């Protein structure tokens, strides 16, 4: 059996909320499809084809969300001394400081500095504490980081 993907409680709640909203949207889409089907000739009914495509898209999104929910496990909150999922980690490199939020696989958003344990930097941050130093292989070469805080 494949191991579960760790996720924050907030991320898991977002998945459940998205599923709930899609189920509501699906109900409306099914109603429209039935309405357009009743209009008659389906071969030349663009509204029917569009409604059928929309329902198919919603079903695809629901399958993806159900898979994510089924394969996710809410991670236990880490201590304030060791970096883990749900931690905010401050690092220093080359005189600059950066702050990253460690999240589960389905939550990663590098533009918001939300990184997962599967990213090169995230993989090296997990399990570390303030004062630890790490080396990360980046496209520009190896970069050194010093962990300054874990919250």
Protein backbone atom coordinates (compact mmCIF):
# COMPACT_ATOMS: atom_id res chain seq x y z
CA UNK A 1 0.00 0.00 0.00
CA UNK A 2 1.29 3.42 -0.94
CA UNK A 3 2.13 5.68 2.02
CA UNK A 4 -0.16 8.62 2.70
CA UNK A 5 0.84 12.15 1.69
CA UNK A 6 1.30 14.40 4.70
CA UNK A 7 -0.76 17.58 4.65
CA UNK A 8 -1.54 20.41 7.06
CA UNK A 9 -4.96 20.53 8.70
CA UNK A 10 -5.68 23.78 6.82
CA UNK A 11 -4.80 22.15 3.51
CA UNK A 12 -6.97 19.12 4.25
CA UNK A 13 -9.89 21.42 5.14
CA UNK A 14 -9.42 23.24 1.80
CA UNK A 15 -9.60 19.91 -0.05
CA UNK A 16 -12.85 19.00 1.73
CA UNK A 17 -14.31 22.45 1.07
CA UNK A 18 -13.40 22.26 -2.63
CA UNK A 19 -15.04 18.84 -2.88
CA UNK A 20 -18.21 20.14 -1.24
CA UNK A 21 -18.40 23.11 -3.64
CA UNK A 22 -17.83 20.89 -6.67
CA UNK A 23 -20.61 18.55 -5.56
CA UNK A 24 -23.00 21.53 -5.45
CA UNK A 25 -21.83 22.66 -8.89
CA UNK A 26 -22.24 19.13 -10.20
CA UNK A 27 -25.88 19.07 -9.09
CA UNK A 28 -26.59 22.22 -11.08
CA UNK A 29 -24.72 20.86 -14.12
CA UNK A 30 -26.72 17.60 -14.06
CA UNK A 31 -29.96 19.63 -13.99
CA UNK A 32 -28.87 21.72 -16.98
CA UNK A 33 -27.84 18.62 -18.90
CA UNK A 34 -31.27 17.06 -18.36
CA UNK A 35 -32.96 20.30 -19.42
CA UNK A 36 -30.92 20.56 -22.65
CA UNK A 37 -31.40 16.85 -23.41
CA UNK A 38 -35.17 17.41 -23.32
CA UNK A 39 -34.85 20.02 -26.08
CA UNK A 40 -34.73 17.30 -28.73
CA UNK A 41 -32.16 16.63 -31.45
CA UNK A 42 -28.86 16.09 -29.60
CA UNK A 43 -26.69 16.02 -32.74
CA UNK A 44 -27.20 19.75 -33.33
CA UNK A 45 -27.70 20.87 -29.74
CA UNK A 46 -24.63 22.96 -28.80
CA UNK A 47 -26.03 23.74 -25.34
CA UNK A 48 -26.30 20.00 -24.62
CA UNK A 49 -22.72 19.33 -25.79
CA UNK A 50 -21.45 22.24 -23.70
CA UNK A 51 -23.33 21.04 -20.60
CA UNK A 52 -22.04 17.50 -21.14
CA UNK A 53 -18.46 18.80 -21.42
CA UNK A 54 -18.92 20.90 -18.24
CA UNK A 55 -20.22 17.88 -16.31
CA UNK A 56 -17.30 15.79 -17.54
CA UNK A 57 -14.87 18.46 -16.36
CA UNK A 58 -16.51 18.63 -12.92
CA UNK A 59 -16.40 14.82 -12.62
CA UNK A 60 -12.71 14.83 -13.50
CA UNK A 61 -11.98 17.45 -10.83
CA UNK A 62 -13.99 15.47 -8.29
CA UNK A 63 -12.02 12.29 -9.04
CA UNK A 64 -8.75 14.20 -8.53
CA UNK A 65 -9.97 15.70 -5.23
CA UNK A 66 -11.26 12.35 -3.96
CA UNK A 67 -7.88 10.81 -4.73
CA UNK A 68 -6.07 13.62 -2.92
CA UNK A 69 -8.34 13.27 0.12
CA UNK A 70 -7.97 9.48 0.17
CA UNK A 71 -4.17 9.63 -0.07
CA UNK A 72 -3.67 12.46 2.43
CA UNK A 73 -3.00 12.26 6.13
CA UNK A 74 -3.00 15.31 8.40
CA UNK A 75 0.50 15.71 9.79
CA UNK A 76 0.98 16.18 13.51
CA UNK A 77 2.11 19.66 14.44
CA UNK A 78 5.88 19.70 14.80
CA UNK A 79 7.62 21.04 17.88
CA UNK A 80 8.90 24.60 17.82
CA UNK A 81 12.43 23.26 17.72
CA UNK A 82 12.33 20.85 14.77
CA UNK A 83 11.16 21.71 11.24
CA UNK A 84 8.27 19.65 9.87
CA UNK A 85 4.99 20.05 8.01
CA UNK A 86 3.24 23.10 9.42
CA UNK A 87 6.50 24.82 10.46
CA UNK A 88 7.59 28.28 9.46
CA UNK A 89 11.33 28.20 8.97
CA UNK A 90 13.61 31.21 8.77
CA UNK A 91 16.90 30.70 6.94
CA UNK A 92 19.88 32.85 6.08
CA UNK A 93 22.04 32.53 2.99
CA UNK A 94 24.66 34.89 1.61
CA UNK A 95 23.59 37.66 4.01
CA UNK A 96 19.89 37.48 3.06
CA UNK A 97 17.08 36.00 5.13
CA UNK A 98 14.16 33.98 3.79
CA UNK A 99 11.06 32.53 5.40
CA UNK A 100 9.44 29.30 4.20
CA UNK A 101 6.28 27.51 5.29
CA UNK A 102 6.59 23.71 5.08
CA UNK A 103 3.43 22.13 3.69
CA UNK A 104 2.16 18.87 2.24
CA UNK A 105 2.55 17.79 -1.36
CA UNK A 106 -0.87 19.00 -2.52
CA UNK A 107 -0.43 22.42 -0.91
CA UNK A 108 2.90 23.59 -2.32
CA UNK A 109 2.97 27.13 -3.70
CA UNK A 110 6.53 28.34 -4.27
CA UNK A 111 5.30 31.85 -5.12
CA UNK A 112 4.05 32.12 -1.51
CA UNK A 113 7.19 30.41 -0.13
CA UNK A 114 5.11 27.33 0.73
CA UNK A 115 7.35 24.36 0.01
CA UNK A 116 7.00 20.62 0.42
CA UNK A 117 9.37 17.95 1.71
CA UNK A 118 9.74 16.75 -1.87
CA UNK A 119 11.41 19.97 -3.03
CA UNK A 120 15.21 20.15 -2.79
CA UNK A 121 15.16 22.86 -0.11
CA UNK A 122 12.21 21.37 1.78
CA UNK A 123 13.80 17.92 1.85
CA UNK A 124 16.90 19.41 3.51
CA UNK A 125 14.93 21.54 6.01
CA UNK A 126 12.80 18.72 7.43
CA UNK A 127 14.01 17.51 10.82
CA UNK A 128 16.43 20.41 11.27
CA UNK A 129 16.55 22.94 14.14
CA UNK A 130 17.85 26.49 14.56
CA UNK A 131 21.61 26.69 14.14
CA UNK A 132 21.79 23.76 11.70
CA UNK A 133 23.41 24.32 8.32
CA UNK A 134 22.30 22.69 5.10
CA UNK A 135 23.55 22.52 1.50
CA UNK A 136 21.06 22.50 -1.35
CA UNK A 137 21.83 21.69 -4.96
CA UNK A 138 20.20 24.42 -7.08
CA UNK A 139 20.35 25.06 -10.84
CA UNK A 140 23.01 27.69 -10.04
CA UNK A 141 25.11 25.26 -8.01
CA UNK A 142 25.28 24.30 -4.34
CA UNK A 143 23.82 26.92 -1.99
CA UNK A 144 24.44 26.99 1.77
CA UNK A 145 21.69 27.89 4.27
CA UNK A 146 21.76 28.38 8.03
CA UNK A 147 18.49 27.82 9.89
CA UNK A 148 17.77 30.80 12.14
CA UNK A 149 14.28 30.00 13.40
CA UNK A 150 11.57 27.33 13.47
CA UNK A 151 8.00 28.19 14.52
